[in-house]
Structures are given as C-alpha cells and as structure tokens.
Amino acid sequence: MLVSDFAIPLFKELPIRDKTLKTYESVFRCHLHTVIGPLHLDKVQRADVQRVIKPLPPQIGSTTLAVCKTIFREAELRGLVETSPVNGVRGPRVQVAPRKFMTVEELERSDLGKFRTEILFLAYHGLRWGEAVALTEADIINEKISVTKSIHGPTKTKAGIRIIPQIKPFKEFPNNPKAIRRVLHGHGIHIHSLRHTYAYLLKSSGVHVTTAQRLMGHSDPKITLGIYTQFRGEEIDAAGSLIRKFSQPGYYRDNESELLLF
C-alpha cells in the first residue's frame, strides 16, 4: 500500500480535534506527499524521512516528524510494516522564544477599550480562547469557574477540565476574536499571552507549580514549569535585595523565629 493511500484516510480515523486534523493534512500535503507519498509503506527508509525533515525550519520539521511517527506507528500496529522507519530519526531542536506578556497590574493601567472586562477576565483566570467563548453564567457557581468544554467541543486535554477561583466579573465573549486581538496587538501582545499573564500572577502570588498546573489545565507539568521559569527584569532587582538582606551579618541569629516559617 502506498503511503498516501494509507495516510490520508488514516488521519480522519484518529481521535484528534478538527484543528489537529487540518494540521496533519496540511503537513502531509506540503511536506510529505511528494517525497514519501508515492512509496510503498514497507519501502520507506530512514533516509527518506531524514531527507524530508532536514531542510525544514525547526518548528515545521518537528511537526512533520510527529506526523510521520503517527503514520508509521499506526502502520506498525496494523502489521503493514515490521519496523517504523522513523525510529532513530532525531527531530530538529526547536528554540522557543519567551512569549512577551503584560502583568495584571500593567493591564489594569492600560486602555483596553470596550473589551476591558473580557481581557481582564482572561488575564485573571488563564482560560484558553476556546474555553472562554464556551463559558456561560451557568458555569460559575459560588465564585468558582467550572471549565468543562471548548468552542471546539471537549477541552484540549482531560487536564483542561478544571475549577478556577473567580477573581474578576464575567461577560460573555464574542465568537470572533479579531476585535480583541486588535486591542491586544496595540499593546504588543496576543490573546494567548494572557495565559502567561495568569501564570505570572500565580507565580507572584506564591502558588505552587503543581497547583498552577491544575489551574491552567496543563497535562504536562513541564509546560507549566517552562512558563514559571520566565522572569521579568524587575525580578532580578528583587532577587538581589533578598540576597543582600539574607547575607547581612547576624541576620540568621536575629531572625531565627522568622526563618523557621520557611
């Protein structure tokens, strides 16, 4: 069986969201179809996969490799190949630049126009856009927000089903994000940047990273930890002040009872 004849129908059978399906189909059409698409599944070699991946930009190459792994994992499960040719293929190293974001204090001081309520709600609760659009008043009880769905249907992962303490008032979101996106672009940030604002708020409030993981709906704690390790310039000054304070002669002796709290 040809790779194309197997892969294209396969994608529709996978338990993935429509958005992910479109990504898989686009990646296959743009990067895999001409090189390995015409080959028989059991004739594809590791070198063929590497020839596809090598010239691609890191992020696209990484996604393309993931699609390849899916195709040949499923082919292996169905007994169409003995061993996946993707085994041993190393993906490109993806360098993710820290996402620029604003703190809640900066947002509070900013002109957010008629979408102020919606933007601050996202910043103080860390919802994904699809989750926010699907939210209704019925999902908020006793100042607790129950996140159980997305505009796409289920939440992004099972971990996305969560309860968040309500901090700011709720106002139903428009279905189209363009207007809010324009407002945020004027401040140099994106809608998803507001998730980083929320993570920074949790970190600044002393919320433990494992609790933050639950509140943000991350299935992998490494994702939360990656955001938690982001810092802003003023944190360096604050760290310096703390270190100087703790390094003063006699500090440990004079503040023994205080240090026991740690």
C-alpha atoms as a PDB file:
ATOM      1  CA  MET A   1       0.000   0.000   0.000  1.00  0.00           C
ATOM      2  CA  LEU A   2       1.254   3.473  -0.855  1.00  0.00           C
ATOM      3  CA  VAL A   3       1.922   5.902   1.971  1.00  0.00           C
ATOM      4  CA  SER A   4      -0.591   8.405   0.520  1.00  0.00           C
ATOM      5  CA  ASP A   5      -3.322   5.766   0.210  1.00  0.00           C
ATOM      6  CA  PHE A   6      -2.812   4.828   3.857  1.00  0.00           C
ATOM      7  CA  ALA A   7      -2.171   8.211   5.488  1.00  0.00           C
ATOM      8  CA  ILE A   8      -4.946  10.363   4.046  1.00  0.00           C
ATOM      9  CA  PRO A   9      -7.859   8.149   5.208  1.00  0.00           C
ATOM     10  CA  LEU A  10      -5.979   7.367   8.459  1.00  0.00           C
ATOM     11  CA  PHE A  11      -5.988  10.960   9.676  1.00  0.00           C
ATOM     12  CA  LYS A  12      -9.804  11.024   9.694  1.00  0.00           C
ATOM     13  CA  GLU A  13      -9.882   7.891  11.857  1.00  0.00           C
ATOM     14  CA  LEU A  14      -7.596   9.266  14.554  1.00  0.00           C
ATOM     15  CA  PRO A  15      -9.138  10.577  17.818  1.00  0.00           C
ATOM     16  CA  ILE A  16      -7.971  14.141  17.193  1.00  0.00           C
ATOM     17  CA  ARG A  17      -9.707  17.522  17.031  1.00  0.00           C
ATOM     18  CA  ASP A  18     -10.684  19.109  13.722  1.00  0.00           C
ATOM     19  CA  LYS A  19      -7.947  21.712  14.094  1.00  0.00           C
ATOM     20  CA  THR A  20      -5.313  18.993  14.572  1.00  0.00           C
ATOM     21  CA  LEU A  21      -6.729  17.037  11.637  1.00  0.00           C
ATOM     22  CA  LYS A  22      -6.302  20.054   9.371  1.00  0.00           C
ATOM     23  CA  THR A  23      -2.713  20.445  10.589  1.00  0.00           C
ATOM     24  CA  TYR A  24      -1.939  16.790   9.821  1.00  0.00           C
ATOM     25  CA  GLU A  25      -3.474  17.039   6.364  1.00  0.00           C
ATOM     26  CA  SER A  26      -1.661  20.290   5.590  1.00  0.00           C
ATOM     27  CA  VAL A  27       1.713  18.950   6.764  1.00  0.00           C
ATOM     28  CA  PHE A  28       1.306  15.790   4.690  1.00  0.00           C
ATOM     29  CA  ARG A  29       0.226  17.718   1.598  1.00  0.00           C
ATOM     30  CA  CYS A  30       3.010  20.298   1.835  1.00  0.00           C
ATOM     31  CA  HIS A  31       5.985  18.264   3.029  1.00  0.00           C
ATOM     32  CA  LEU A  32       5.392  14.505   2.788  1.00  0.00           C
ATOM     33  CA  HIS A  33       3.193  13.874  -0.230  1.00  0.00           C
ATOM     34  CA  THR A  34       5.796  14.322  -2.972  1.00  0.00           C
ATOM     35  CA  VAL A  35       8.719  12.567  -1.219  1.00  0.00           C
ATOM     36  CA  ILE A  36       7.275   9.548   0.599  1.00  0.00           C
ATOM     37  CA  GLY A  37       3.638   9.687  -0.538  1.00  0.00           C
ATOM     38  CA  PRO A  38       4.290   7.658  -3.743  1.00  0.00           C
ATOM     39  CA  LEU A  39       6.360   4.998  -1.891  1.00  0.00           C
ATOM     40  CA  HIS A  40       5.050   1.720  -0.519  1.00  0.00           C
ATOM     41  CA  LEU A  41       4.811   1.752   3.260  1.00  0.00           C
ATOM     42  CA  ASP A  42       7.299  -1.091   3.654  1.00  0.00           C
ATOM     43  CA  LYS A  43       9.789   0.534   1.276  1.00  0.00           C
ATOM     44  CA  VAL A  44      10.227   3.814   3.132  1.00  0.00           C
ATOM     45  CA  GLN A  45      13.692   4.107   4.658  1.00  0.00           C
ATOM     46  CA  ARG A  46      15.004   6.239   7.482  1.00  0.00           C
ATOM     47  CA  ALA A  47      16.979   8.246   4.924  1.00  0.00           C
ATOM     48  CA  ASP A  48      13.715   9.146   3.121  1.00  0.00           C
ATOM     49  CA  VAL A  49      12.290  10.609   6.329  1.00  0.00           C
ATOM     50  CA  GLN A  50      15.507  12.457   7.084  1.00  0.00           C
ATOM     51  CA  ARG A  51      15.522  13.894   3.550  1.00  0.00           C
ATOM     52  CA  VAL A  52      12.092  15.417   4.239  1.00  0.00           C
ATOM     53  CA  ILE A  53      12.890  16.779   7.690  1.00  0.00           C
ATOM     54  CA  LYS A  54      16.407  18.180   7.201  1.00  0.00           C
ATOM     55  CA  PRO A  55      15.668  21.260   5.018  1.00  0.00           C
ATOM     56  CA  LEU A  56      12.607  22.371   7.007  1.00  0.00           C
ATOM     57  CA  PRO A  57      12.606  25.140   9.634  1.00  0.00           C
ATOM     58  CA  PRO A  58      12.845  23.639  13.166  1.00  0.00           C
ATOM     59  CA  GLN A  59       9.207  24.082  14.211  1.00  0.00           C
ATOM     60  CA  ILE A  60       7.805  22.796  10.901  1.00  0.00           C
ATOM     61  CA  GLY A  61      10.334  19.977  10.838  1.00  0.00           C
ATOM     62  CA  SER A  62       9.360  18.913  14.345  1.00  0.00           C
ATOM     63  CA  THR A  63       5.658  18.865  13.433  1.00  0.00           C
ATOM     64  CA  THR A  64       6.343  16.969  10.203  1.00  0.00           C
ATOM     65  CA  LEU A  65       8.343  14.355  12.094  1.00  0.00           C
ATOM     66  CA  ALA A  66       5.477  13.949  14.568  1.00  0.00           C
ATOM     67  CA  VAL A  67       3.052  13.301  11.676  1.00  0.00           C
ATOM     68  CA  CYS A  68       5.490  10.729  10.229  1.00  0.00           C
ATOM     69  CA  LYS A  69       5.681   8.978  13.586  1.00  0.00           C
ATOM     70  CA  THR A  70       1.892   8.786  13.735  1.00  0.00           C
ATOM     71  CA  ILE A  71       1.604   7.337  10.230  1.00  0.00           C
ATOM     72  CA  PHE A  72       4.158   4.593  10.774  1.00  0.00           C
ATOM     73  CA  ARG A  73       3.095   3.841  14.327  1.00  0.00           C
ATOM     74  CA  GLU A  74      -0.390   3.083  13.001  1.00  0.00           C
ATOM     75  CA  ALA A  75       1.061   1.112  10.069  1.00  0.00           C
ATOM     76  CA  GLU A  76       3.114  -0.944  12.507  1.00  0.00           C
ATOM     77  CA  LEU A  77       0.071  -1.636  14.695  1.00  0.00           C
ATOM     78  CA  ARG A  78      -1.835  -2.870  11.646  1.00  0.00           C
ATOM     79  CA  GLY A  79       1.009  -5.147  10.598  1.00  0.00           C
ATOM     80  CA  LEU A  80       1.716  -3.211   7.387  1.00  0.00           C
ATOM     81  CA  VAL A  81       5.357  -2.604   8.303  1.00  0.00           C
ATOM     82  CA  GLU A  82       7.639  -4.602  10.570  1.00  0.00           C
ATOM     83  CA  THR A  83       9.520  -1.625  11.958  1.00  0.00           C
ATOM     84  CA  SER A  84       8.847   2.079  11.682  1.00  0.00           C
ATOM     85  CA  PRO A  85      11.464   3.870   9.540  1.00  0.00           C
ATOM     86  CA  VAL A  86      11.033   6.883  11.809  1.00  0.00           C
ATOM     87  CA  ASN A  87      12.713   5.062  14.706  1.00  0.00           C
ATOM     88  CA  GLY A  88      16.025   6.746  15.400  1.00  0.00           C
ATOM     89  CA  VAL A  89      15.262   9.886  13.406  1.00  0.00           C
ATOM     90  CA  ARG A  90      16.125  12.861  15.573  1.00  0.00           C
ATOM     91  CA  GLY A  91      13.972  15.917  15.246  1.00  0.00           C
ATOM     92  CA  PRO A  92      15.348  19.448  14.964  1.00  0.00           C
ATOM     93  CA  ARG A  93      15.896  21.383  18.145  1.00  0.00           C
ATOM     94  CA  VAL A  94      13.077  23.883  18.477  1.00  0.00           C
ATOM     95  CA  GLN A  95      14.092  27.169  20.089  1.00  0.00           C
ATOM     96  CA  VAL A  96      11.012  28.731  21.653  1.00  0.00           C
ATOM     97  CA  ALA A  97      11.434  32.403  22.422  1.00  0.00           C
ATOM     98  CA  PRO A  98       9.768  33.541  25.653  1.00  0.00           C
ATOM     99  CA  ARG A  99       6.360  34.992  24.870  1.00  0.00           C
ATOM    100  CA  LYS A 100       6.011  38.656  25.681  1.00  0.00           C
ATOM    101  CA  PHE A 101       3.250  39.334  28.170  1.00  0.00           C
ATOM    102  CA  MET A 102       1.915  42.045  30.448  1.00  0.00           C
ATOM    103  CA  THR A 103       1.324  41.718  34.178  1.00  0.00           C
ATOM    104  CA  VAL A 104      -2.184  42.209  35.545  1.00  0.00           C
ATOM    105  CA  GLU A 105      -1.006  45.495  37.054  1.00  0.00           C
ATOM    106  CA  GLU A 106       0.075  46.734  33.621  1.00  0.00           C
ATOM    107  CA  LEU A 107      -3.200  45.607  32.055  1.00  0.00           C
ATOM    108  CA  GLU A 108      -5.198  47.347  34.799  1.00  0.00           C
ATOM    109  CA  ARG A 109      -3.446  50.622  33.911  1.00  0.00           C
ATOM    110  CA  SER A 110      -3.912  50.172  30.152  1.00  0.00           C
ATOM    111  CA  ASP A 111      -6.638  51.414  27.843  1.00  0.00           C
ATOM    112  CA  LEU A 112      -8.382  48.194  26.800  1.00  0.00           C
ATOM    113  CA  GLY A 113     -11.417  49.856  25.279  1.00  0.00           C
ATOM    114  CA  LYS A 114     -14.833  48.193  25.301  1.00  0.00           C
ATOM    115  CA  PHE A 115     -13.271  44.755  25.748  1.00  0.00           C
ATOM    116  CA  ARG A 116     -11.686  45.597  29.084  1.00  0.00           C
ATOM    117  CA  THR A 117     -13.890  43.172  31.037  1.00  0.00           C
ATOM    118  CA  GLU A 118     -13.177  40.259  28.705  1.00  0.00           C
ATOM    119  CA  ILE A 119      -9.414  40.897  28.567  1.00  0.00           C
ATOM    120  CA  LEU A 120      -9.052  41.200  32.324  1.00  0.00           C
ATOM    121  CA  PHE A 121     -11.164  38.068  32.779  1.00  0.00           C
ATOM    122  CA  LEU A 122      -8.735  36.107  30.582  1.00  0.00           C
ATOM    123  CA  ALA A 123      -5.726  37.577  32.406  1.00  0.00           C
ATOM    124  CA  TYR A 124      -7.035  36.768  35.885  1.00  0.00           C
ATOM    125  CA  HIS A 125      -8.265  33.248  35.058  1.00  0.00           C
ATOM    126  CA  GLY A 126      -5.966  31.927  32.338  1.00  0.00           C
ATOM    127  CA  LEU A 127      -8.620  30.419  30.101  1.00  0.00           C
ATOM    128  CA  ARG A 128      -7.809  29.465  26.528  1.00  0.00           C
ATOM    129  CA  TRP A 129      -9.815  31.433  23.975  1.00  0.00           C
ATOM    130  CA  GLY A 130     -11.959  28.429  23.011  1.00  0.00           C
ATOM    131  CA  GLU A 131     -12.738  27.741  26.682  1.00  0.00           C
ATOM    132  CA  ALA A 132     -13.694  31.371  27.328  1.00  0.00           C
ATOM    133  CA  VAL A 133     -16.066  31.521  24.347  1.00  0.00           C
ATOM    134  CA  ALA A 134     -17.836  28.345  25.506  1.00  0.00           C
ATOM    135  CA  LEU A 135     -18.253  29.672  29.070  1.00  0.00           C
ATOM    136  CA  THR A 136     -21.688  30.791  30.331  1.00  0.00           C
ATOM    137  CA  GLU A 137     -23.065  32.201  33.578  1.00  0.00           C
ATOM    138  CA  ALA A 138     -24.272  28.692  34.449  1.00  0.00           C
ATOM    139  CA  ASP A 139     -20.640  27.566  34.653  1.00  0.00           C
ATOM    140  CA  ILE A 140     -19.902  29.986  37.508  1.00  0.00           C
ATOM    141  CA  ILE A 141     -21.206  28.998  40.947  1.00  0.00           C
ATOM    142  CA  ASN A 142     -20.125  30.392  44.321  1.00  0.00           C
ATOM    143  CA  GLU A 143     -17.216  32.303  42.763  1.00  0.00           C
ATOM    144  CA  LYS A 144     -15.826  29.180  41.165  1.00  0.00           C
ATOM    145  CA  ILE A 145     -15.495  28.754  37.396  1.00  0.00           C
ATOM    146  CA  SER A 146     -16.103  25.252  36.067  1.00  0.00           C
ATOM    147  CA  VAL A 147     -14.250  24.663  32.785  1.00  0.00           C
ATOM    148  CA  THR A 148     -15.676  21.567  31.085  1.00  0.00           C
ATOM    149  CA  LYS A 149     -15.765  22.379  27.376  1.00  0.00           C
ATOM    150  CA  SER A 150     -14.384  24.390  24.500  1.00  0.00           C
ATOM    151  CA  ILE A 151     -15.929  26.025  21.459  1.00  0.00           C
ATOM    152  CA  HIS A 152     -14.417  23.077  19.567  1.00  0.00           C
ATOM    153  CA  GLY A 153     -16.216  20.555  21.801  1.00  0.00           C
ATOM    154  CA  PRO A 154     -14.143  18.879  24.520  1.00  0.00           C
ATOM    155  CA  THR A 155     -11.335  20.721  26.279  1.00  0.00           C
ATOM    156  CA  LYS A 156      -7.872  20.491  24.702  1.00  0.00           C
ATOM    157  CA  THR A 157      -6.941  17.617  27.058  1.00  0.00           C
ATOM    158  CA  LYS A 158      -8.570  15.853  30.008  1.00  0.00           C
ATOM    159  CA  ALA A 159      -6.482  18.098  32.245  1.00  0.00           C
ATOM    160  CA  GLY A 160      -8.380  21.042  30.729  1.00  0.00           C
ATOM    161  CA  ILE A 161     -11.434  20.072  32.799  1.00  0.00           C
ATOM    162  CA  ARG A 162     -10.868  22.074  35.961  1.00  0.00           C
ATOM    163  CA  ILE A 163     -12.242  24.525  38.528  1.00  0.00           C
ATOM    164  CA  ILE A 164     -10.753  28.006  38.860  1.00  0.00           C
ATOM    165  CA  PRO A 165     -11.422  30.577  41.600  1.00  0.00           C
ATOM    166  CA  GLN A 166     -13.248  33.575  40.145  1.00  0.00           C
ATOM    167  CA  ILE A 167     -11.399  36.859  40.629  1.00  0.00           C
ATOM    168  CA  LYS A 168     -12.982  39.187  38.064  1.00  0.00           C
ATOM    169  CA  PRO A 169     -16.561  39.590  36.743  1.00  0.00           C
ATOM    170  CA  PHE A 170     -17.618  37.546  33.732  1.00  0.00           C
ATOM    171  CA  LYS A 171     -19.065  38.851  30.478  1.00  0.00           C
ATOM    172  CA  GLU A 172     -19.902  36.549  27.574  1.00  0.00           C
ATOM    173  CA  PHE A 173     -17.239  36.565  24.872  1.00  0.00           C
ATOM    174  CA  PRO A 174     -17.791  37.289  21.175  1.00  0.00           C
ATOM    175  CA  ASN A 175     -17.367  34.252  18.904  1.00  0.00           C
ATOM    176  CA  ASN A 176     -14.814  36.049  16.759  1.00  0.00           C
ATOM    177  CA  PRO A 177     -11.520  37.024  18.454  1.00  0.00           C
ATOM    178  CA  LYS A 178     -10.456  39.602  15.835  1.00  0.00           C
ATOM    179  CA  ALA A 179     -11.577  42.718  17.722  1.00  0.00           C
ATOM    180  CA  ILE A 180      -9.934  41.658  20.999  1.00  0.00           C
ATOM    181  CA  ARG A 181      -6.859  40.563  19.071  1.00  0.00           C
ATOM    182  CA  ARG A 182      -6.562  44.077  17.574  1.00  0.00           C
ATOM    183  CA  VAL A 183      -6.729  45.686  21.013  1.00  0.00           C
ATOM    184  CA  LEU A 184      -4.005  43.417  22.378  1.00  0.00           C
ATOM    185  CA  HIS A 185      -1.819  43.851  19.309  1.00  0.00           C
ATOM    186  CA  GLY A 186      -1.833  47.553  20.098  1.00  0.00           C
ATOM    187  CA  HIS A 187      -0.072  46.642  23.349  1.00  0.00           C
ATOM    188  CA  GLY A 188       2.330  44.249  21.620  1.00  0.00           C
ATOM    189  CA  ILE A 189       0.803  41.013  22.936  1.00  0.00           C
ATOM    190  CA  HIS A 190      -1.531  38.232  21.794  1.00  0.00           C
ATOM    191  CA  ILE A 191      -4.605  36.571  23.288  1.00  0.00           C
ATOM    192  CA  HIS A 192      -2.529  33.568  24.363  1.00  0.00           C
ATOM    193  CA  SER A 193      -0.136  35.973  26.116  1.00  0.00           C
ATOM    194  CA  LEU A 194      -2.863  36.399  28.726  1.00  0.00           C
ATOM    195  CA  ARG A 195      -2.317  32.763  29.781  1.00  0.00           C
ATOM    196  CA  HIS A 196       1.265  33.780  30.563  1.00  0.00           C
ATOM    197  CA  THR A 197      -0.082  36.765  32.485  1.00  0.00           C
ATOM    198  CA  TYR A 198      -2.133  34.351  34.600  1.00  0.00           C
ATOM    199  CA  ALA A 199       0.853  32.048  35.123  1.00  0.00           C
ATOM    200  CA  TYR A 200       2.929  35.034  36.244  1.00  0.00           C
ATOM    201  CA  LEU A 201       0.130  36.094  38.602  1.00  0.00           C
ATOM    202  CA  LEU A 202       0.080  32.608  40.157  1.00  0.00           C
ATOM    203  CA  LYS A 203       3.854  32.582  40.480  1.00  0.00           C
ATOM    204  CA  SER A 204       3.927  36.073  42.022  1.00  0.00           C
ATOM    205  CA  SER A 205       1.178  35.046  44.448  1.00  0.00           C
ATOM    206  CA  GLY A 206       3.250  32.115  45.674  1.00  0.00           C
ATOM    207  CA  VAL A 207       1.045  29.406  44.147  1.00  0.00           C
ATOM    208  CA  HIS A 208       2.979  26.144  43.863  1.00  0.00           C
ATOM    209  CA  VAL A 209       3.768  24.976  40.335  1.00  0.00           C
ATOM    210  CA  THR A 210       1.735  21.754  40.721  1.00  0.00           C
ATOM    211  CA  THR A 211      -1.325  23.766  41.768  1.00  0.00           C
ATOM    212  CA  ALA A 212      -0.700  26.159  38.876  1.00  0.00           C
ATOM    213  CA  GLN A 213      -0.620  23.166  36.527  1.00  0.00           C
ATOM    214  CA  ARG A 214      -4.138  22.201  37.622  1.00  0.00           C
ATOM    215  CA  LEU A 215      -5.463  25.762  37.420  1.00  0.00           C
ATOM    216  CA  MET A 216      -4.036  26.256  33.916  1.00  0.00           C
ATOM    217  CA  GLY A 217      -5.235  22.891  32.634  1.00  0.00           C
ATOM    218  CA  HIS A 218      -1.808  21.617  31.592  1.00  0.00           C
ATOM    219  CA  SER A 219      -1.478  17.856  31.180  1.00  0.00           C
ATOM    220  CA  ASP A 220       2.324  18.065  31.404  1.00  0.00           C
ATOM    221  CA  PRO A 221       3.921  19.821  34.419  1.00  0.00           C
ATOM    222  CA  LYS A 222       6.951  20.636  32.249  1.00  0.00           C
ATOM    223  CA  ILE A 223       4.809  23.103  30.296  1.00  0.00           C
ATOM    224  CA  THR A 224       3.799  24.910  33.488  1.00  0.00           C
ATOM    225  CA  LEU A 225       7.352  24.843  34.773  1.00  0.00           C
ATOM    226  CA  GLY A 226       8.586  26.298  31.489  1.00  0.00           C
ATOM    227  CA  ILE A 227       6.276  29.277  31.937  1.00  0.00           C
ATOM    228  CA  TYR A 228       7.114  29.583  35.643  1.00  0.00           C
ATOM    229  CA  THR A 229      10.816  29.909  34.853  1.00  0.00           C
ATOM    230  CA  GLN A 230      10.121  33.000  32.739  1.00  0.00           C
ATOM    231  CA  PHE A 231      11.030  36.156  34.579  1.00  0.00           C
ATOM    232  CA  ARG A 232      10.954  39.873  34.110  1.00  0.00           C
ATOM    233  CA  GLY A 233      13.779  42.357  34.656  1.00  0.00           C
ATOM    234  CA  GLU A 234      12.461  43.679  37.956  1.00  0.00           C
ATOM    235  CA  GLU A 235      12.681  40.180  39.451  1.00  0.00           C
ATOM    236  CA  ILE A 236      16.474  40.364  39.175  1.00  0.00           C
ATOM    237  CA  ASP A 237      16.484  43.516  41.306  1.00  0.00           C
ATOM    238  CA  ALA A 238      14.104  41.917  43.805  1.00  0.00           C
ATOM    239  CA  ALA A 239      16.296  38.812  43.994  1.00  0.00           C
ATOM    240  CA  GLY A 240      19.317  40.997  44.643  1.00  0.00           C
ATOM    241  CA  SER A 241      17.534  42.748  47.504  1.00  0.00           C
ATOM    242  CA  LEU A 242      16.574  39.434  49.099  1.00  0.00           C
ATOM    243  CA  ILE A 243      20.081  38.027  48.812  1.00  0.00           C
ATOM    244  CA  ARG A 244      21.583  41.165  50.356  1.00  0.00           C
ATOM    245  CA  LYS A 245      19.030  41.004  53.166  1.00  0.00           C
ATOM    246  CA  PHE A 246      19.779  37.370  53.981  1.00  0.00           C
ATOM    247  CA  SER A 247      23.555  37.872  53.726  1.00  0.00           C
ATOM    248  CA  GLN A 248      23.706  40.639  56.341  1.00  0.00           C
ATOM    249  CA  PRO A 249      25.853  39.717  59.390  1.00  0.00           C
ATOM    250  CA  GLY A 250      23.722  38.424  62.212  1.00  0.00           C
ATOM    251  CA  TYR A 251      20.556  38.084  60.113  1.00  0.00           C
ATOM    252  CA  TYR A 252      20.121  34.385  60.827  1.00  0.00           C
ATOM    253  CA  ARG A 253      20.609  34.875  64.570  1.00  0.00           C
ATOM    254  CA  ASP A 254      18.277  37.865  64.844  1.00  0.00           C
ATOM    255  CA  ASN A 255      15.555  36.350  62.654  1.00  0.00           C
ATOM    256  CA  GLU A 256      15.637  32.695  63.704  1.00  0.00           C
ATOM    257  CA  SER A 257      11.907  32.537  64.507  1.00  0.00           C
ATOM    258  CA  GLU A 258      11.043  34.127  61.165  1.00  0.00           C
ATOM    259  CA  LEU A 259      13.265  31.671  59.246  1.00  0.00           C
ATOM    260  CA  LEU A 260      11.516  28.719  60.890  1.00  0.00           C
ATOM    261  CA  LEU A 261       8.457  29.636  58.823  1.00  0.00           C
ATOM    262  CA  PHE A 262      10.329  28.540  55.703  1.00  0.00           C
END
